[in-house]
Amino acid sequence: MQEIERFFGNLFSGIINRFKYSAMDAADRKMRETIDDQIEQRRQKPKPQDREDQE
């Protein structure tokens, strides 16, 4: 009986951990994409000093 309980306990905890780590990975990926997008937007914006130099 204890072996069955241990088996199902390990099974369910493995499934829960997989979902938890998948969610964490997805959140991490989204955060990195957002940061990359912000960096790219800042690179595309001309700096105020650049505008003055061009005039």
PDB file of N, CA and C in Angstrom:
ATOM      1  N   MET A   1       0.826  -1.195   0.000  1.00  0.00           N
ATOM      2  CA  MET A   1       0.000   0.000   0.000  1.00  0.00           C
ATOM      3  C   MET A   1       0.873   1.263   0.000  1.00  0.00           C
ATOM      4  N   GLN A   2       1.934   1.237   0.805  1.00  0.00           N
ATOM      5  CA  GLN A   2       2.818   2.398   0.850  1.00  0.00           C
ATOM      6  C   GLN A   2       3.521   2.602  -0.485  1.00  0.00           C
ATOM      7  N   GLU A   3       3.830   1.516  -1.160  1.00  0.00           N
ATOM      8  CA  GLU A   3       4.474   1.642  -2.469  1.00  0.00           C
ATOM      9  C   GLU A   3       3.546   2.313  -3.470  1.00  0.00           C
ATOM     10  N   ILE A   4       2.266   1.962  -3.415  1.00  0.00           N
ATOM     11  CA  ILE A   4       1.283   2.582  -4.314  1.00  0.00           C
ATOM     12  C   ILE A   4       1.156   4.070  -3.995  1.00  0.00           C
ATOM     13  N   GLU A   5       1.066   4.406  -2.708  1.00  0.00           N
ATOM     14  CA  GLU A   5       0.977   5.817  -2.311  1.00  0.00           C
ATOM     15  C   GLU A   5       2.222   6.578  -2.758  1.00  0.00           C
ATOM     16  N   ARG A   6       3.374   5.965  -2.583  1.00  0.00           N
ATOM     17  CA  ARG A   6       4.618   6.612  -2.988  1.00  0.00           C
ATOM     18  C   ARG A   6       4.653   6.805  -4.499  1.00  0.00           C
ATOM     19  N   PHE A   7       4.204   5.786  -5.241  1.00  0.00           N
ATOM     20  CA  PHE A   7       4.180   5.876  -6.697  1.00  0.00           C
ATOM     21  C   PHE A   7       3.316   7.036  -7.161  1.00  0.00           C
ATOM     22  N   PHE A   8       2.070   7.095  -6.659  1.00  0.00           N
ATOM     23  CA  PHE A   8       1.171   8.161  -7.088  1.00  0.00           C
ATOM     24  C   PHE A   8       1.627   9.520  -6.572  1.00  0.00           C
ATOM     25  N   GLY A   9       2.208   9.552  -5.380  1.00  0.00           N
ATOM     26  CA  GLY A   9       2.748  10.814  -4.860  1.00  0.00           C
ATOM     27  C   GLY A   9       3.853  11.332  -5.754  1.00  0.00           C
ATOM     28  N   ASN A  10       4.755  10.450  -6.158  1.00  0.00           N
ATOM     29  CA  ASN A  10       5.842  10.855  -7.058  1.00  0.00           C
ATOM     30  C   ASN A  10       5.306  11.253  -8.428  1.00  0.00           C
ATOM     31  N   LEU A  11       4.337  10.516  -8.906  1.00  0.00           N
ATOM     32  CA  LEU A  11       3.746  10.818 -10.210  1.00  0.00           C
ATOM     33  C   LEU A  11       3.115  12.202 -10.211  1.00  0.00           C
ATOM     34  N   PHE A  12       2.258  12.465  -9.218  1.00  0.00           N
ATOM     35  CA  PHE A  12       1.574  13.756  -9.168  1.00  0.00           C
ATOM     36  C   PHE A  12       2.555  14.890  -8.908  1.00  0.00           C
ATOM     37  N   SER A  13       3.531  14.662  -8.054  1.00  0.00           N
ATOM     38  CA  SER A  13       4.467  15.744  -7.800  1.00  0.00           C
ATOM     39  C   SER A  13       5.329  15.999  -9.029  1.00  0.00           C
ATOM     40  N   GLY A  14       5.631  14.971  -9.810  1.00  0.00           N
ATOM     41  CA  GLY A  14       6.356  15.175 -11.058  1.00  0.00           C
ATOM     42  C   GLY A  14       5.548  15.974 -12.059  1.00  0.00           C
ATOM     43  N   ILE A  15       4.269  15.670 -12.156  1.00  0.00           N
ATOM     44  CA  ILE A  15       3.392  16.408 -13.075  1.00  0.00           C
ATOM     45  C   ILE A  15       3.273  17.866 -12.635  1.00  0.00           C
ATOM     46  N   ILE A  16       3.071  18.081 -11.349  1.00  0.00           N
ATOM     47  CA  ILE A  16       2.941  19.450 -10.833  1.00  0.00           C
ATOM     48  C   ILE A  16       4.231  20.230 -11.080  1.00  0.00           C
ATOM     49  N   ASN A  17       5.374  19.609 -10.812  1.00  0.00           N
ATOM     50  CA  ASN A  17       6.653  20.292 -11.043  1.00  0.00           C
ATOM     51  C   ASN A  17       6.847  20.627 -12.511  1.00  0.00           C
ATOM     52  N   ARG A  18       6.439  19.721 -13.382  1.00  0.00           N
ATOM     53  CA  ARG A  18       6.585  19.989 -14.817  1.00  0.00           C
ATOM     54  C   ARG A  18       5.757  21.210 -15.227  1.00  0.00           C
ATOM     55  N   PHE A  19       4.515  21.293 -14.749  1.00  0.00           N
ATOM     56  CA  PHE A  19       3.688  22.457 -15.061  1.00  0.00           C
ATOM     57  C   PHE A  19       4.278  23.727 -14.457  1.00  0.00           C
ATOM     58  N   LYS A  20       4.764  23.599 -13.229  1.00  0.00           N
ATOM     59  CA  LYS A  20       5.331  24.768 -12.549  1.00  0.00           C
ATOM     60  C   LYS A  20       6.548  25.279 -13.314  1.00  0.00           C
ATOM     61  N   TYR A  21       7.456  24.383 -13.692  1.00  0.00           N
ATOM     62  CA  TYR A  21       8.652  24.816 -14.408  1.00  0.00           C
ATOM     63  C   TYR A  21       8.320  25.287 -15.817  1.00  0.00           C
ATOM     64  N   SER A  22       7.317  24.716 -16.446  1.00  0.00           N
ATOM     65  CA  SER A  22       6.894  25.197 -17.762  1.00  0.00           C
ATOM     66  C   SER A  22       6.375  26.622 -17.656  1.00  0.00           C
ATOM     67  N   ALA A  23       5.588  26.885 -16.629  1.00  0.00           N
ATOM     68  CA  ALA A  23       5.066  28.239 -16.418  1.00  0.00           C
ATOM     69  C   ALA A  23       6.200  29.212 -16.116  1.00  0.00           C
ATOM     70  N   MET A  24       7.159  28.769 -15.319  1.00  0.00           N
ATOM     71  CA  MET A  24       8.298  29.629 -15.004  1.00  0.00           C
ATOM     72  C   MET A  24       9.120  29.918 -16.256  1.00  0.00           C
ATOM     73  N   ASP A  25       9.326  28.918 -17.096  1.00  0.00           N
ATOM     74  CA  ASP A  25      10.066  29.114 -18.339  1.00  0.00           C
ATOM     75  C   ASP A  25       9.328  30.079 -19.264  1.00  0.00           C
ATOM     76  N   ALA A  26       8.022  29.916 -19.357  1.00  0.00           N
ATOM     77  CA  ALA A  26       7.227  30.803 -20.211  1.00  0.00           C
ATOM     78  C   ALA A  26       7.305  32.247 -19.701  1.00  0.00           C
ATOM     79  N   ALA A  27       7.215  32.431 -18.391  1.00  0.00           N
ATOM     80  CA  ALA A  27       7.305  33.776 -17.816  1.00  0.00           C
ATOM     81  C   ALA A  27       8.693  34.361 -18.061  1.00  0.00           C
ATOM     82  N   ASP A  28       9.711  33.548 -17.928  1.00  0.00           N
ATOM     83  CA  ASP A  28      11.080  34.006 -18.155  1.00  0.00           C
ATOM     84  C   ASP A  28      11.274  34.407 -19.611  1.00  0.00           C
ATOM     85  N   ARG A  29      10.758  33.600 -20.531  1.00  0.00           N
ATOM     86  CA  ARG A  29      10.859  33.931 -21.954  1.00  0.00           C
ATOM     87  C   ARG A  29      10.142  35.236 -22.268  1.00  0.00           C
ATOM     88  N   LYS A  30       8.944  35.394 -21.704  1.00  0.00           N
ATOM     89  CA  LYS A  30       8.165  36.606 -21.953  1.00  0.00           C
ATOM     90  C   LYS A  30       8.898  37.834 -21.416  1.00  0.00           C
ATOM     91  N   MET A  31       9.485  37.699 -20.233  1.00  0.00           N
ATOM     92  CA  MET A  31      10.222  38.810 -19.645  1.00  0.00           C
ATOM     93  C   MET A  31      11.418  39.180 -20.525  1.00  0.00           C
ATOM     94  N   ARG A  32      12.146  38.180 -21.002  1.00  0.00           N
ATOM     95  CA  ARG A  32      13.295  38.455 -21.864  1.00  0.00           C
ATOM     96  C   ARG A  32      12.860  39.114 -23.164  1.00  0.00           C
ATOM     97  N   GLU A  33      11.753  38.653 -23.759  1.00  0.00           N
ATOM     98  CA  GLU A  33      11.247  39.265 -24.990  1.00  0.00           C
ATOM     99  C   GLU A  33      10.866  40.718 -24.755  1.00  0.00           C
ATOM    100  N   THR A  34      10.224  40.988 -23.631  1.00  0.00           N
ATOM    101  CA  THR A  34       9.822  42.355 -23.318  1.00  0.00           C
ATOM    102  C   THR A  34      11.042  43.252 -23.152  1.00  0.00           C
ATOM    103  N   ILE A  35      12.041  42.762 -22.446  1.00  0.00           N
ATOM    104  CA  ILE A  35      13.262  43.547 -22.260  1.00  0.00           C
ATOM    105  C   ILE A  35      13.947  43.780 -23.606  1.00  0.00           C
ATOM    106  N   ASP A  36      14.033  42.745 -24.430  1.00  0.00           N
ATOM    107  CA  ASP A  36      14.645  42.902 -25.757  1.00  0.00           C
ATOM    108  C   ASP A  36      13.882  43.913 -26.604  1.00  0.00           C
ATOM    109  N   ASP A  37      12.553  43.880 -26.543  1.00  0.00           N
ATOM    110  CA  ASP A  37      11.738  44.840 -27.288  1.00  0.00           C
ATOM    111  C   ASP A  37      11.997  46.259 -26.806  1.00  0.00           C
ATOM    112  N   GLN A  38      12.095  46.447 -25.502  1.00  0.00           N
ATOM    113  CA  GLN A  38      12.351  47.781 -24.961  1.00  0.00           C
ATOM    114  C   GLN A  38      13.724  48.290 -25.383  1.00  0.00           C
ATOM    115  N   ILE A  39      14.716  47.411 -25.354  1.00  0.00           N
ATOM    116  CA  ILE A  39      16.065  47.802 -25.780  1.00  0.00           C
ATOM    117  C   ILE A  39      16.048  48.190 -27.248  1.00  0.00           C
ATOM    118  N   GLU A  40      15.362  47.409 -28.060  1.00  0.00           N
ATOM    119  CA  GLU A  40      15.284  47.694 -29.493  1.00  0.00           C
ATOM    120  C   GLU A  40      14.580  49.030 -29.748  1.00  0.00           C
ATOM    121  N   GLN A  41      13.513  49.306 -29.014  1.00  0.00           N
ATOM    122  CA  GLN A  41      12.805  50.579 -29.179  1.00  0.00           C
ATOM    123  C   GLN A  41      13.702  51.748 -28.808  1.00  0.00           C
ATOM    124  N   ARG A  42      14.491  51.596 -27.758  1.00  0.00           N
ATOM    125  CA  ARG A  42      15.394  52.683 -27.347  1.00  0.00           C
ATOM    126  C   ARG A  42      16.493  52.891 -28.373  1.00  0.00           C
ATOM    127  N   ARG A  43      16.938  51.827 -29.008  1.00  0.00           N
ATOM    128  CA  ARG A  43      17.969  51.959 -30.040  1.00  0.00           C
ATOM    129  C   ARG A  43      17.422  52.683 -31.260  1.00  0.00           C
ATOM    130  N   GLN A  44      16.149  52.469 -31.569  1.00  0.00           N
ATOM    131  CA  GLN A  44      15.565  53.069 -32.764  1.00  0.00           C
ATOM    132  C   GLN A  44      15.256  54.553 -32.568  1.00  0.00           C
ATOM    133  N   LYS A  45      14.999  54.966 -31.322  1.00  0.00           N
ATOM    134  CA  LYS A  45      14.697  56.375 -31.068  1.00  0.00           C
ATOM    135  C   LYS A  45      15.980  57.186 -31.184  1.00  0.00           C
ATOM    136  N   PRO A  46      15.948  58.256 -31.968  1.00  0.00           N
ATOM    137  CA  PRO A  46      17.154  59.100 -32.011  1.00  0.00           C
ATOM    138  C   PRO A  46      17.305  59.856 -30.692  1.00  0.00           C
ATOM    139  N   LYS A  47      18.531  60.004 -30.256  1.00  0.00           N
ATOM    140  CA  LYS A  47      18.783  60.728 -29.016  1.00  0.00           C
ATOM    141  C   LYS A  47      18.653  62.226 -29.285  1.00  0.00           C
ATOM    142  N   PRO A  48      18.267  63.010 -28.286  1.00  0.00           N
ATOM    143  CA  PRO A  48      18.156  64.469 -28.498  1.00  0.00           C
ATOM    144  C   PRO A  48      19.468  65.083 -28.975  1.00  0.00           C
ATOM    145  N   GLN A  49      20.602  64.613 -28.517  1.00  0.00           N
ATOM    146  CA  GLN A  49      21.892  65.145 -28.953  1.00  0.00           C
ATOM    147  C   GLN A  49      22.105  64.880 -30.445  1.00  0.00           C
ATOM    148  N   ASP A  50      21.647  63.722 -30.919  1.00  0.00           N
ATOM    149  CA  ASP A  50      21.809  63.389 -32.322  1.00  0.00           C
ATOM    150  C   ASP A  50      21.029  64.371 -33.212  1.00  0.00           C
ATOM    151  N   ARG A  51      19.850  64.754 -32.767  1.00  0.00           N
ATOM    152  CA  ARG A  51      19.027  65.685 -33.542  1.00  0.00           C
ATOM    153  C   ARG A  51      19.713  67.035 -33.659  1.00  0.00           C
ATOM    154  N   GLU A  52      20.310  67.493 -32.551  1.00  0.00           N
ATOM    155  CA  GLU A  52      20.970  68.797 -32.579  1.00  0.00           C
ATOM    156  C   GLU A  52      22.183  68.755 -33.488  1.00  0.00           C
ATOM    157  N   ASP A  53      22.903  67.648 -33.493  1.00  0.00           N
ATOM    158  CA  ASP A  53      24.091  67.525 -34.334  1.00  0.00           C
ATOM    159  C   ASP A  53      23.713  67.529 -35.808  1.00  0.00           C
ATOM    160  N   GLN A  54      22.549  67.014 -36.156  1.00  0.00           N
ATOM    161  CA  GLN A  54      22.133  66.912 -37.549  1.00  0.00           C
ATOM    162  C   GLN A  54      21.688  68.260 -38.098  1.00  0.00           C
ATOM    163  N   GLU A  55      21.242  69.162 -37.247  1.00  0.00           N
ATOM    164  CA  GLU A  55      20.717  70.453 -37.740  1.00  0.00           C
ATOM    165  C   GLU A  55      21.802  71.378 -38.213  1.00  0.00           C
TER     166      GLU A  55
END
